[in-house]
PDB file of all heavy atoms in Angstrom:
ATOM      1  N   ILE A   1    -176.491-148.902 213.278  1.00  0.00           N
ATOM      2  CA  ILE A   1    -175.939-147.794 214.059  1.00  0.00           C
ATOM      3  C   ILE A   1    -176.843-146.567 213.943  1.00  0.00           C
ATOM      4  O   ILE A   1    -177.118-145.881 214.929  1.00  0.00           O
ATOM      5  CB  ILE A   1    -174.513-147.447 213.567  1.00  0.00           C
ATOM      6  CG1 ILE A   1    -173.604-148.685 213.600  1.00  0.00           C
ATOM      7  CG2 ILE A   1    -173.925-146.307 214.383  1.00  0.00           C
ATOM      8  CD1 ILE A   1    -173.318-149.221 214.956  1.00  0.00           C
ATOM      9  N   ILE A   2    -177.309-146.294 212.732  1.00  0.00           N
ATOM     10  CA  ILE A   2    -178.227-145.161 212.530  1.00  0.00           C
ATOM     11  C   ILE A   2    -179.490-145.350 213.371  1.00  0.00           C
ATOM     12  O   ILE A   2    -179.964-144.424 214.049  1.00  0.00           O
ATOM     13  CB  ILE A   2    -178.610-145.034 211.043  1.00  0.00           C
ATOM     14  CG1 ILE A   2    -177.380-144.711 210.194  1.00  0.00           C
ATOM     15  CG2 ILE A   2    -179.685-143.962 210.840  1.00  0.00           C
ATOM     16  CD1 ILE A   2    -177.660-144.709 208.695  1.00  0.00           C
ATOM     17  N   PHE A   3    -180.034-146.560 213.344  1.00  0.00           N
ATOM     18  CA  PHE A   3    -181.253-146.867 214.089  1.00  0.00           C
ATOM     19  C   PHE A   3    -181.080-146.562 215.579  1.00  0.00           C
ATOM     20  O   PHE A   3    -181.872-145.826 216.185  1.00  0.00           O
ATOM     21  CB  PHE A   3    -181.611-148.336 213.876  1.00  0.00           C
ATOM     22  CG  PHE A   3    -182.632-148.875 214.836  1.00  0.00           C
ATOM     23  CD1 PHE A   3    -183.935-148.423 214.816  1.00  0.00           C
ATOM     24  CD2 PHE A   3    -182.290-149.854 215.769  1.00  0.00           C
ATOM     25  CE1 PHE A   3    -184.887-148.918 215.700  1.00  0.00           C
ATOM     26  CE2 PHE A   3    -183.219-150.360 216.650  1.00  0.00           C
ATOM     27  CZ  PHE A   3    -184.520-149.884 216.619  1.00  0.00           C
ATOM     28  N   VAL A   4    -180.030-147.078 216.168  1.00  0.00           N
ATOM     29  CA  VAL A   4    -179.805-146.911 217.613  1.00  0.00           C
ATOM     30  C   VAL A   4    -179.447-145.461 217.935  1.00  0.00           C
ATOM     31  O   VAL A   4    -179.881-144.917 218.956  1.00  0.00           O
ATOM     32  CB  VAL A   4    -178.704-147.875 218.095  1.00  0.00           C
ATOM     33  CG1 VAL A   4    -178.407-147.638 219.576  1.00  0.00           C
ATOM     34  CG2 VAL A   4    -179.131-149.317 217.876  1.00  0.00           C
ATOM     35  N   PHE A   5    -178.660-144.823 217.069  1.00  0.00           N
ATOM     36  CA  PHE A   5    -178.188-143.465 217.338  1.00  0.00           C
ATOM     37  C   PHE A   5    -179.351-142.473 217.403  1.00  0.00           C
ATOM     38  O   PHE A   5    -179.287-141.491 218.151  1.00  0.00           O
ATOM     39  CB  PHE A   5    -177.189-143.032 216.266  1.00  0.00           C
ATOM     40  CG  PHE A   5    -176.494-141.737 216.573  1.00  0.00           C
ATOM     41  CD1 PHE A   5    -175.443-141.700 217.474  1.00  0.00           C
ATOM     42  CD2 PHE A   5    -176.907-140.552 215.976  1.00  0.00           C
ATOM     43  CE1 PHE A   5    -174.807-140.496 217.775  1.00  0.00           C
ATOM     44  CE2 PHE A   5    -176.282-139.357 216.269  1.00  0.00           C
ATOM     45  CZ  PHE A   5    -175.229-139.325 217.165  1.00  0.00           C
ATOM     46  N   PHE A   6    -180.390-142.683 216.614  1.00  0.00           N
ATOM     47  CA  PHE A   6    -181.568-141.823 216.690  1.00  0.00           C
ATOM     48  C   PHE A   6    -182.549-142.295 217.758  1.00  0.00           C
ATOM     49  O   PHE A   6    -183.237-141.489 218.383  1.00  0.00           O
ATOM     50  CB  PHE A   6    -182.276-141.766 215.331  1.00  0.00           C
ATOM     51  CG  PHE A   6    -181.622-140.847 214.349  1.00  0.00           C
ATOM     52  CD1 PHE A   6    -180.727-141.320 213.412  1.00  0.00           C
ATOM     53  CD2 PHE A   6    -181.898-139.484 214.361  1.00  0.00           C
ATOM     54  CE1 PHE A   6    -180.112-140.479 212.498  1.00  0.00           C
ATOM     55  CE2 PHE A   6    -181.295-138.620 213.452  1.00  0.00           C
ATOM     56  CZ  PHE A   6    -180.394-139.121 212.521  1.00  0.00           C
ATOM     57  N   LEU A   7    -182.628-143.605 217.960  1.00  0.00           N
ATOM     58  CA  LEU A   7    -183.600-144.170 218.899  1.00  0.00           C
ATOM     59  C   LEU A   7    -183.327-143.748 220.337  1.00  0.00           C
ATOM     60  O   LEU A   7    -184.223-143.238 221.031  1.00  0.00           O
ATOM     61  CB  LEU A   7    -183.594-145.695 218.789  1.00  0.00           C
ATOM     62  CG  LEU A   7    -184.516-146.441 219.756  1.00  0.00           C
ATOM     63  CD1 LEU A   7    -185.973-146.193 219.412  1.00  0.00           C
ATOM     64  CD2 LEU A   7    -184.211-147.943 219.739  1.00  0.00           C
ATOM     65  N   VAL A   8    -182.110-143.953 220.812  1.00  0.00           N
ATOM     66  CA  VAL A   8    -181.792-143.712 222.229  1.00  0.00           C
ATOM     67  C   VAL A   8    -181.930-142.238 222.612  1.00  0.00           C
ATOM     68  O   VAL A   8    -182.621-141.907 223.584  1.00  0.00           O
ATOM     69  CB  VAL A   8    -180.391-144.270 222.566  1.00  0.00           C
ATOM     70  CG1 VAL A   8    -180.000-143.902 224.003  1.00  0.00           C
ATOM     71  CG2 VAL A   8    -180.360-145.779 222.382  1.00  0.00           C
ATOM     72  N   PRO A   9    -181.304-141.298 221.878  1.00  0.00           N
ATOM     73  CA  PRO A   9    -181.522-139.878 222.232  1.00  0.00           C
ATOM     74  C   PRO A   9    -182.985-139.456 222.078  1.00  0.00           C
ATOM     75  O   PRO A   9    -183.465-138.622 222.849  1.00  0.00           O
ATOM     76  CB  PRO A   9    -180.631-139.126 221.239  1.00  0.00           C
ATOM     77  CG  PRO A   9    -179.582-140.102 220.838  1.00  0.00           C
ATOM     78  CD  PRO A   9    -180.290-141.426 220.815  1.00  0.00           C
ATOM     79  N   GLY A  10    -183.700-140.039 221.097  1.00  0.00           N
ATOM     80  CA  GLY A  10    -185.108-139.697 220.915  1.00  0.00           C
ATOM     81  C   GLY A  10    -185.944-140.100 222.115  1.00  0.00           C
ATOM     82  O   GLY A  10    -186.776-139.331 222.601  1.00  0.00           O
ATOM     83  N   ILE A  11    -185.722-141.323 222.595  1.00  0.00           N
ATOM     84  CA  ILE A  11    -186.450-141.785 223.785  1.00  0.00           C
ATOM     85  C   ILE A  11    -186.069-140.946 224.997  1.00  0.00           C
ATOM     86  O   ILE A  11    -186.923-140.575 225.824  1.00  0.00           O
ATOM     87  CB  ILE A  11    -186.157-143.276 224.033  1.00  0.00           C
ATOM     88  CG1 ILE A  11    -186.765-144.127 222.911  1.00  0.00           C
ATOM     89  CG2 ILE A  11    -186.704-143.717 225.386  1.00  0.00           C
ATOM     90  CD1 ILE A  11    -186.434-145.606 223.018  1.00  0.00           C
ATOM     91  N   THR A  12    -184.788-140.629 225.133  1.00  0.00           N
ATOM     92  CA  THR A  12    -184.317-139.832 226.270  1.00  0.00           C
ATOM     93  C   THR A  12    -184.981-138.460 226.285  1.00  0.00           C
ATOM     94  O   THR A  12    -185.486-138.013 227.327  1.00  0.00           O
ATOM     95  CB  THR A  12    -182.788-139.673 226.205  1.00  0.00           C
ATOM     96  OG1 THR A  12    -182.177-140.961 226.176  1.00  0.00           O
ATOM     97  CG2 THR A  12    -182.281-138.889 227.405  1.00  0.00           C
ATOM     98  N   TYR A  13    -184.977-137.785 225.132  1.00  0.00           N
ATOM     99  CA  TYR A  13    -185.601-136.469 225.051  1.00  0.00           C
ATOM    100  C   TYR A  13    -187.091-136.565 225.346  1.00  0.00           C
ATOM    101  O   TYR A  13    -187.642-135.765 226.119  1.00  0.00           O
ATOM    102  CB  TYR A  13    -185.385-135.878 223.654  1.00  0.00           C
ATOM    103  CG  TYR A  13    -186.049-134.535 223.460  1.00  0.00           C
ATOM    104  CD1 TYR A  13    -185.398-133.362 223.832  1.00  0.00           C
ATOM    105  CD2 TYR A  13    -187.335-134.436 222.911  1.00  0.00           C
ATOM    106  CE1 TYR A  13    -186.013-132.123 223.661  1.00  0.00           C
ATOM    107  CE2 TYR A  13    -187.957-133.210 222.747  1.00  0.00           C
ATOM    108  CZ  TYR A  13    -187.289-132.054 223.119  1.00  0.00           C
ATOM    109  OH  TYR A  13    -187.904-130.838 222.965  1.00  0.00           O
ATOM    110  N   GLY A  14    -187.751-137.548 224.752  1.00  0.00           N
ATOM    111  CA  GLY A  14    -189.186-137.712 224.978  1.00  0.00           C
ATOM    112  C   GLY A  14    -189.533-137.990 226.419  1.00  0.00           C
ATOM    113  O   GLY A  14    -190.562-137.511 226.929  1.00  0.00           O
ATOM    114  N   ALA A  15    -188.676-138.756 227.117  1.00  0.00           N
ATOM    115  CA  ALA A  15    -188.933-139.059 228.529  1.00  0.00           C
ATOM    116  C   ALA A  15    -188.835-137.800 229.384  1.00  0.00           C
ATOM    117  O   ALA A  15    -189.591-137.632 230.357  1.00  0.00           O
ATOM    118  CB  ALA A  15    -187.932-140.109 229.017  1.00  0.00           C
ATOM    119  N   VAL A  16    -187.926-136.892 229.019  1.00  0.00           N
ATOM    120  CA  VAL A  16    -187.746-135.671 229.803  1.00  0.00           C
ATOM    121  C   VAL A  16    -188.889-134.685 229.563  1.00  0.00           C
ATOM    122  O   VAL A  16    -189.430-134.107 230.508  1.00  0.00           O
ATOM    123  CB  VAL A  16    -186.386-135.023 229.461  1.00  0.00           C
ATOM    124  CG1 VAL A  16    -186.265-133.653 230.138  1.00  0.00           C
ATOM    125  CG2 VAL A  16    -185.240-135.925 229.887  1.00  0.00           C
ATOM    126  N   VAL A  17    -189.276-134.496 228.293  1.00  0.00           N
ATOM    127  CA  VAL A  17    -190.306-133.484 227.990  1.00  0.00           C
ATOM    128  C   VAL A  17    -191.720-134.044 228.077  1.00  0.00           C
ATOM    129  O   VAL A  17    -192.695-133.291 228.009  1.00  0.00           O
ATOM    130  CB  VAL A  17    -190.071-132.870 226.595  1.00  0.00           C
ATOM    131  CG1 VAL A  17    -188.691-132.248 226.512  1.00  0.00           C
ATOM    132  CG2 VAL A  17    -190.268-133.894 225.482  1.00  0.00           C
ATOM    133  N   GLY A  18    -191.852-135.354 228.188  1.00  0.00           N
ATOM    134  CA  GLY A  18    -193.176-135.945 228.360  1.00  0.00           C
ATOM    135  C   GLY A  18    -193.847-136.442 227.102  1.00  0.00           C
ATOM    136  O   GLY A  18    -195.022-136.825 227.132  1.00  0.00           O
ATOM    137  N   THR A  19    -193.124-136.470 225.973  1.00  0.00           N
ATOM    138  CA  THR A  19    -193.724-136.979 224.739  1.00  0.00           C
ATOM    139  C   THR A  19    -193.571-138.492 224.599  1.00  0.00           C
ATOM    140  O   THR A  19    -194.233-139.108 223.762  1.00  0.00           O
ATOM    141  CB  THR A  19    -193.096-136.299 223.507  1.00  0.00           C
ATOM    142  OG1 THR A  19    -191.671-136.454 223.563  1.00  0.00           O
ATOM    143  CG2 THR A  19    -193.443-134.821 223.473  1.00  0.00           C
ATOM    144  N   MET A  20    -192.699-139.078 225.399  1.00  0.00           N
ATOM    145  CA  MET A  20    -192.494-140.528 225.400  1.00  0.00           C
ATOM    146  C   MET A  20    -192.657-141.024 226.835  1.00  0.00           C
ATOM    147  O   MET A  20    -191.698-141.122 227.598  1.00  0.00           O
ATOM    148  CB  MET A  20    -191.092-140.885 224.869  1.00  0.00           C
ATOM    149  CG  MET A  20    -190.862-140.528 223.419  1.00  0.00           C
ATOM    150  SD  MET A  20    -191.698-141.666 222.295  1.00  0.00           S
ATOM    151  CE  MET A  20    -191.690-140.716 220.775  1.00  0.00           C
ATOM    152  N   ARG A  21    -193.901-141.314 227.213  1.00  0.00           N
ATOM    153  CA  ARG A  21    -194.191-141.694 228.590  1.00  0.00           C
ATOM    154  C   ARG A  21    -194.159-143.201 228.815  1.00  0.00           C
ATOM    155  O   ARG A  21    -194.058-143.665 229.944  1.00  0.00           O
ATOM    156  CB  ARG A  21    -195.567-141.146 229.002  1.00  0.00           C
ATOM    157  CG  ARG A  21    -195.651-139.626 228.948  1.00  0.00           C
ATOM    158  CD  ARG A  21    -197.021-139.123 229.377  1.00  0.00           C
ATOM    159  NE  ARG A  21    -197.128-137.678 229.276  1.00  0.00           N
ATOM    160  CZ  ARG A  21    -196.726-136.834 230.216  1.00  0.00           C
ATOM    161  NH1 ARG A  21    -196.192-137.295 231.336  1.00  0.00           N
ATOM    162  NH2 ARG A  21    -196.860-135.532 230.049  1.00  0.00           N
ATOM    163  N   SER A  22    -194.300-143.972 227.743  1.00  0.00           N
ATOM    164  CA  SER A  22    -194.318-145.432 227.892  1.00  0.00           C
ATOM    165  C   SER A  22    -193.845-146.072 226.600  1.00  0.00           C
ATOM    166  O   SER A  22    -193.599-145.387 225.600  1.00  0.00           O
ATOM    167  CB  SER A  22    -195.737-145.913 228.224  1.00  0.00           C
ATOM    168  OG  SER A  22    -196.602-145.702 227.102  1.00  0.00           O
ATOM    169  N   ASP A  23    -193.722-147.393 226.642  1.00  0.00           N
ATOM    170  CA  ASP A  23    -193.306-148.105 225.433  1.00  0.00           C
ATOM    171  C   ASP A  23    -194.341-147.930 224.317  1.00  0.00           C
ATOM    172  O   ASP A  23    -193.999-147.984 223.134  1.00  0.00           O
ATOM    173  CB  ASP A  23    -193.098-149.586 225.732  1.00  0.00           C
ATOM    174  CG  ASP A  23    -194.378-150.257 226.233  1.00  0.00           C
ATOM    175  OD1 ASP A  23    -195.201-149.568 226.877  1.00  0.00           O
ATOM    176  OD2 ASP A  23    -194.543-151.467 226.000  1.00  0.00           O
ATOM    177  N   ARG A  24    -195.602-147.692 224.686  1.00  0.00           N
ATOM    178  CA  ARG A  24    -196.639-147.484 223.688  1.00  0.00           C
ATOM    179  C   ARG A  24    -196.339-146.258 222.830  1.00  0.00           C
ATOM    180  O   ARG A  24    -196.552-146.267 221.616  1.00  0.00           O
ATOM    181  CB  ARG A  24    -198.000-147.327 224.377  1.00  0.00           C
ATOM    182  CG  ARG A  24    -199.154-146.974 223.440  1.00  0.00           C
ATOM    183  CD  ARG A  24    -199.435-148.066 222.440  1.00  0.00           C
ATOM    184  NE  ARG A  24    -199.888-149.290 223.097  1.00  0.00           N
ATOM    185  CZ  ARG A  24    -200.158-150.399 222.449  1.00  0.00           C
ATOM    186  NH1 ARG A  24    -199.993-150.446 221.132  1.00  0.00           N
ATOM    187  NH2 ARG A  24    -200.562-151.482 223.110  1.00  0.00           N
ATOM    188  N   ASP A  25    -195.826-145.182 223.438  1.00  0.00           N
ATOM    189  CA  ASP A  25    -195.493-143.975 222.688  1.00  0.00           C
ATOM    190  C   ASP A  25    -194.355-144.242 221.705  1.00  0.00           C
ATOM    191  O   ASP A  25    -194.362-143.732 220.576  1.00  0.00           O
ATOM    192  CB  ASP A  25    -195.101-142.845 223.646  1.00  0.00           C
ATOM    193  CG  ASP A  25    -196.266-142.385 224.508  1.00  0.00           C
ATOM    194  OD1 ASP A  25    -197.400-142.350 223.993  1.00  0.00           O
ATOM    195  OD2 ASP A  25    -196.039-142.071 225.693  1.00  0.00           O
ATOM    196  N   VAL A  26    -193.374-145.034 222.130  1.00  0.00           N
ATOM    197  CA  VAL A  26    -192.253-145.374 221.252  1.00  0.00           C
ATOM    198  C   VAL A  26    -192.757-146.196 220.070  1.00  0.00           C
ATOM    199  O   VAL A  26    -192.390-145.954 218.912  1.00  0.00           O
ATOM    200  CB  VAL A  26    -191.164-146.139 222.027  1.00  0.00           C
ATOM    201  CG1 VAL A  26    -190.043-146.572 221.085  1.00  0.00           C
ATOM    202  CG2 VAL A  26    -190.611-145.292 223.165  1.00  0.00           C
ATOM    203  N   ILE A  27    -193.609-147.167 220.364  1.00  0.00           N
ATOM    204  CA  ILE A  27    -194.161-148.023 219.301  1.00  0.00           C
ATOM    205  C   ILE A  27    -195.009-147.203 218.328  1.00  0.00           C
ATOM    206  O   ILE A  27    -194.930-147.375 217.104  1.00  0.00           O
ATOM    207  CB  ILE A  27    -194.991-149.166 219.919  1.00  0.00           C
ATOM    208  CG1 ILE A  27    -194.074-150.104 220.715  1.00  0.00           C
ATOM    209  CG2 ILE A  27    -195.732-149.943 218.836  1.00  0.00           C
ATOM    210  CD1 ILE A  27    -194.807-151.094 221.590  1.00  0.00           C
ATOM    211  N   ASP A  28    -195.819-146.275 218.879  1.00  0.00           N
ATOM    212  CA  ASP A  28    -196.648-145.428 218.012  1.00  0.00           C
ATOM    213  C   ASP A  28    -195.777-144.559 217.106  1.00  0.00           C
ATOM    214  O   ASP A  28    -196.129-144.314 215.945  1.00  0.00           O
ATOM    215  CB  ASP A  28    -197.555-144.537 218.862  1.00  0.00           C
ATOM    216  CG  ASP A  28    -198.686-145.330 219.515  1.00  0.00           C
ATOM    217  OD1 ASP A  28    -198.942-146.465 219.073  1.00  0.00           O
ATOM    218  OD2 ASP A  28    -199.299-144.807 220.470  1.00  0.00           O
ATOM    219  N   ALA A  29    -194.650-144.081 217.631  1.00  0.00           N
ATOM    220  CA  ALA A  29    -193.733-143.265 216.821  1.00  0.00           C
ATOM    221  C   ALA A  29    -193.148-144.085 215.683  1.00  0.00           C
ATOM    222  O   ALA A  29    -193.051-143.619 214.541  1.00  0.00           O
ATOM    223  CB  ALA A  29    -192.621-142.703 217.703  1.00  0.00           C
ATOM    224  N   MET A  30    -192.760-145.322 215.989  1.00  0.00           N
ATOM    225  CA  MET A  30    -192.223-146.195 214.938  1.00  0.00           C
ATOM    226  C   MET A  30    -193.288-146.513 213.899  1.00  0.00           C
ATOM    227  O   MET A  30    -193.025-146.491 212.685  1.00  0.00           O
ATOM    228  CB  MET A  30    -191.691-147.488 215.562  1.00  0.00           C
ATOM    229  CG  MET A  30    -190.442-147.316 216.394  1.00  0.00           C
ATOM    230  SD  MET A  30    -189.855-148.912 217.029  1.00  0.00           S
ATOM    231  CE  MET A  30    -188.336-148.409 217.846  1.00  0.00           C
ATOM    232  N   ALA A  31    -194.500-146.800 214.374  1.00  0.00           N
ATOM    233  CA  ALA A  31    -195.590-147.104 213.445  1.00  0.00           C
ATOM    234  C   ALA A  31    -195.920-145.894 212.578  1.00  0.00           C
ATOM    235  O   ALA A  31    -196.208-146.028 211.378  1.00  0.00           O
ATOM    236  CB  ALA A  31    -196.830-147.552 214.214  1.00  0.00           C
ATOM    237  N   GLY A  32    -195.865-144.701 213.174  1.00  0.00           N
ATOM    238  CA  GLY A  32    -196.113-143.486 212.403  1.00  0.00           C
ATOM    239  C   GLY A  32    -195.082-143.289 211.306  1.00  0.00           C
ATOM    240  O   GLY A  32    -195.422-142.878 210.190  1.00  0.00           O
ATOM    241  N   ALA A  33    -193.822-143.590 211.616  1.00  0.00           N
ATOM    242  CA  ALA A  33    -192.770-143.485 210.604  1.00  0.00           C
ATOM    243  C   ALA A  33    -193.018-144.471 209.464  1.00  0.00           C
ATOM    244  O   ALA A  33    -192.839-144.147 208.293  1.00  0.00           O
ATOM    245  CB  ALA A  33    -191.403-143.729 211.240  1.00  0.00           C
ATOM    246  N   MET A  34    -193.448-145.683 209.825  1.00  0.00           N
ATOM    247  CA  MET A  34    -193.724-146.681 208.785  1.00  0.00           C
ATOM    248  C   MET A  34    -194.918-146.278 207.925  1.00  0.00           C
ATOM    249  O   MET A  34    -194.953-146.541 206.718  1.00  0.00           O
ATOM    250  CB  MET A  34    -194.002-148.045 209.426  1.00  0.00           C
ATOM    251  CG  MET A  34    -192.794-148.697 210.105  1.00  0.00           C
ATOM    252  SD  MET A  34    -191.429-149.069 208.974  1.00  0.00           S
ATOM    253  CE  MET A  34    -190.346-147.655 209.291  1.00  0.00           C
ATOM    254  N   SER A  35    -195.898-145.608 208.531  1.00  0.00           N
ATOM    255  CA  SER A  35    -197.102-145.240 207.781  1.00  0.00           C
ATOM    256  C   SER A  35    -196.805-144.218 206.686  1.00  0.00           C
ATOM    257  O   SER A  35    -197.560-144.105 205.722  1.00  0.00           O
ATOM    258  CB  SER A  35    -198.164-144.679 208.730  1.00  0.00           C
ATOM    259  OG  SER A  35    -197.763-143.428 209.268  1.00  0.00           O
ATOM    260  N   THR A  36    -195.707-143.483 206.832  1.00  0.00           N
ATOM    261  CA  THR A  36    -195.352-142.492 205.814  1.00  0.00           C
ATOM    262  C   THR A  36    -194.626-143.124 204.627  1.00  0.00           C
ATOM    263  O   THR A  36    -194.354-142.438 203.634  1.00  0.00           O
ATOM    264  CB  THR A  36    -194.438-141.402 206.412  1.00  0.00           C
ATOM    265  OG1 THR A  36    -193.185-141.996 206.823  1.00  0.00           O
ATOM    266  CG2 THR A  36    -195.092-140.747 207.615  1.00  0.00           C
ATOM    267  N   LEU A  37    -194.302-144.414 204.731  1.00  0.00           N
ATOM    268  CA  LEU A  37    -193.502-145.073 203.700  1.00  0.00           C
ATOM    269  C   LEU A  37    -194.329-145.964 202.774  1.00  0.00           C
ATOM    270  O   LEU A  37    -193.774-146.764 202.030  1.00  0.00           O
ATOM    271  CB  LEU A  37    -192.390-145.909 204.353  1.00  0.00           C
ATOM    272  CG  LEU A  37    -191.337-145.122 205.131  1.00  0.00           C
ATOM    273  CD1 LEU A  37    -190.365-146.075 205.818  1.00  0.00           C
ATOM    274  CD2 LEU A  37    -190.573-144.174 204.209  1.00  0.00           C
ATOM    275  N   GLY A  38    -195.656-145.834 202.832  1.00  0.00           N
ATOM    276  CA  GLY A  38    -196.499-146.685 201.989  1.00  0.00           C
ATOM    277  C   GLY A  38    -196.201-146.529 200.506  1.00  0.00           C
ATOM    278  O   GLY A  38    -196.000-147.520 199.787  1.00  0.00           O
ATOM    279  N   LEU A  39    -196.145-145.289 200.037  1.00  0.00           N
ATOM    280  CA  LEU A  39    -195.871-145.047 198.622  1.00  0.00           C
ATOM    281  C   LEU A  39    -194.466-145.527 198.260  1.00  0.00           C
ATOM    282  O   LEU A  39    -194.245-146.074 197.177  1.00  0.00           O
ATOM    283  CB  LEU A  39    -196.024-143.562 198.299  1.00  0.00           C
ATOM    284  CG  LEU A  39    -195.736-143.151 196.844  1.00  0.00           C
ATOM    285  CD1 LEU A  39    -196.650-143.907 195.882  1.00  0.00           C
ATOM    286  CD2 LEU A  39    -195.887-141.640 196.670  1.00  0.00           C
ATOM    287  N   TYR A  40    -193.521-145.321 199.185  1.00  0.00           N
ATOM    288  CA  TYR A  40    -192.146-145.767 198.927  1.00  0.00           C
ATOM    289  C   TYR A  40    -192.102-147.273 198.702  1.00  0.00           C
ATOM    290  O   TYR A  40    -191.415-147.756 197.791  1.00  0.00           O
ATOM    291  CB  TYR A  40    -191.247-145.372 200.101  1.00  0.00           C
ATOM    292  CG  TYR A  40    -189.884-146.024 200.063  1.00  0.00           C
ATOM    293  CD1 TYR A  40    -188.913-145.596 199.163  1.00  0.00           C
ATOM    294  CD2 TYR A  40    -189.572-147.089 200.906  1.00  0.00           C
ATOM    295  CE1 TYR A  40    -187.665-146.209 199.117  1.00  0.00           C
ATOM    296  CE2 TYR A  40    -188.333-147.703 200.864  1.00  0.00           C
ATOM    297  CZ  TYR A  40    -187.381-147.250 199.965  1.00  0.00           C
ATOM    298  OH  TYR A  40    -186.154-147.864 199.912  1.00  0.00           O
ATOM    299  N   MET A  41    -192.830-148.047 199.513  1.00  0.00           N
ATOM    300  CA  MET A  41    -192.803-149.498 199.379  1.00  0.00           C
ATOM    301  C   MET A  41    -193.449-149.952 198.071  1.00  0.00           C
ATOM    302  O   MET A  41    -192.999-150.914 197.447  1.00  0.00           O
ATOM    303  CB  MET A  41    -193.482-150.152 200.585  1.00  0.00           C
ATOM    304  CG  MET A  41    -192.620-150.085 201.848  1.00  0.00           C
ATOM    305  SD  MET A  41    -193.272-151.021 203.240  1.00  0.00           S
ATOM    306  CE  MET A  41    -194.471-149.875 203.861  1.00  0.00           C
ATOM    307  N   VAL A  42    -194.506-149.248 197.647  1.00  0.00           N
ATOM    308  CA  VAL A  42    -195.113-149.560 196.346  1.00  0.00           C
ATOM    309  C   VAL A  42    -194.109-149.290 195.226  1.00  0.00           C
ATOM    310  O   VAL A  42    -193.942-150.095 194.302  1.00  0.00           O
ATOM    311  CB  VAL A  42    -196.394-148.730 196.128  1.00  0.00           C
ATOM    312  CG1 VAL A  42    -196.961-148.971 194.734  1.00  0.00           C
ATOM    313  CG2 VAL A  42    -197.443-149.090 197.181  1.00  0.00           C
ATOM    314  N   LEU A  43    -193.413-148.146 195.322  1.00  0.00           N
ATOM    315  CA  LEU A  43    -192.402-147.803 194.328  1.00  0.00           C
ATOM    316  C   LEU A  43    -191.294-148.848 194.290  1.00  0.00           C
ATOM    317  O   LEU A  43    -190.855-149.279 193.217  1.00  0.00           O
ATOM    318  CB  LEU A  43    -191.829-146.422 194.651  1.00  0.00           C
ATOM    319  CG  LEU A  43    -190.692-145.919 193.762  1.00  0.00           C
ATOM    320  CD1 LEU A  43    -191.199-145.606 192.370  1.00  0.00           C
ATOM    321  CD2 LEU A  43    -190.027-144.692 194.374  1.00  0.00           C
ATOM    322  N   VAL A  44    -190.832-149.257 195.473  1.00  0.00           N
ATOM    323  CA  VAL A  44    -189.735-150.223 195.558  1.00  0.00           C
ATOM    324  C   VAL A  44    -190.135-151.559 194.948  1.00  0.00           C
ATOM    325  O   VAL A  44    -189.306-152.237 194.322  1.00  0.00           O
ATOM    326  CB  VAL A  44    -189.289-150.398 197.029  1.00  0.00           C
ATOM    327  CG1 VAL A  44    -188.454-151.655 197.202  1.00  0.00           C
ATOM    328  CG2 VAL A  44    -188.485-149.187 197.470  1.00  0.00           C
ATOM    329  N   PHE A  45    -191.394-151.965 195.108  1.00  0.00           N
ATOM    330  CA  PHE A  45    -191.828-153.247 194.538  1.00  0.00           C
ATOM    331  C   PHE A  45    -191.575-153.276 193.034  1.00  0.00           C
ATOM    332  O   PHE A  45    -191.001-154.229 192.495  1.00  0.00           O
ATOM    333  CB  PHE A  45    -193.310-153.487 194.837  1.00  0.00           C
ATOM    334  CG  PHE A  45    -193.865-154.709 194.151  1.00  0.00           C
ATOM    335  CD1 PHE A  45    -193.629-155.973 194.660  1.00  0.00           C
ATOM    336  CD2 PHE A  45    -194.601-154.592 192.977  1.00  0.00           C
ATOM    337  CE1 PHE A  45    -194.122-157.109 194.012  1.00  0.00           C
ATOM    338  CE2 PHE A  45    -195.102-155.711 192.329  1.00  0.00           C
ATOM    339  CZ  PHE A  45    -194.843-156.976 192.849  1.00  0.00           C
TER     340      PHE A  45
END
């Protein structure tokens, strides 16, 4: 629920202001979020 609740309004806002023009922008945003979690994943291991 958290995933969808942030995803849908985020895509909607991005489509209106021009920060989310294609699926590539959405994928890049997700990849960027994952890139910030490298240290977290090492810690979790």
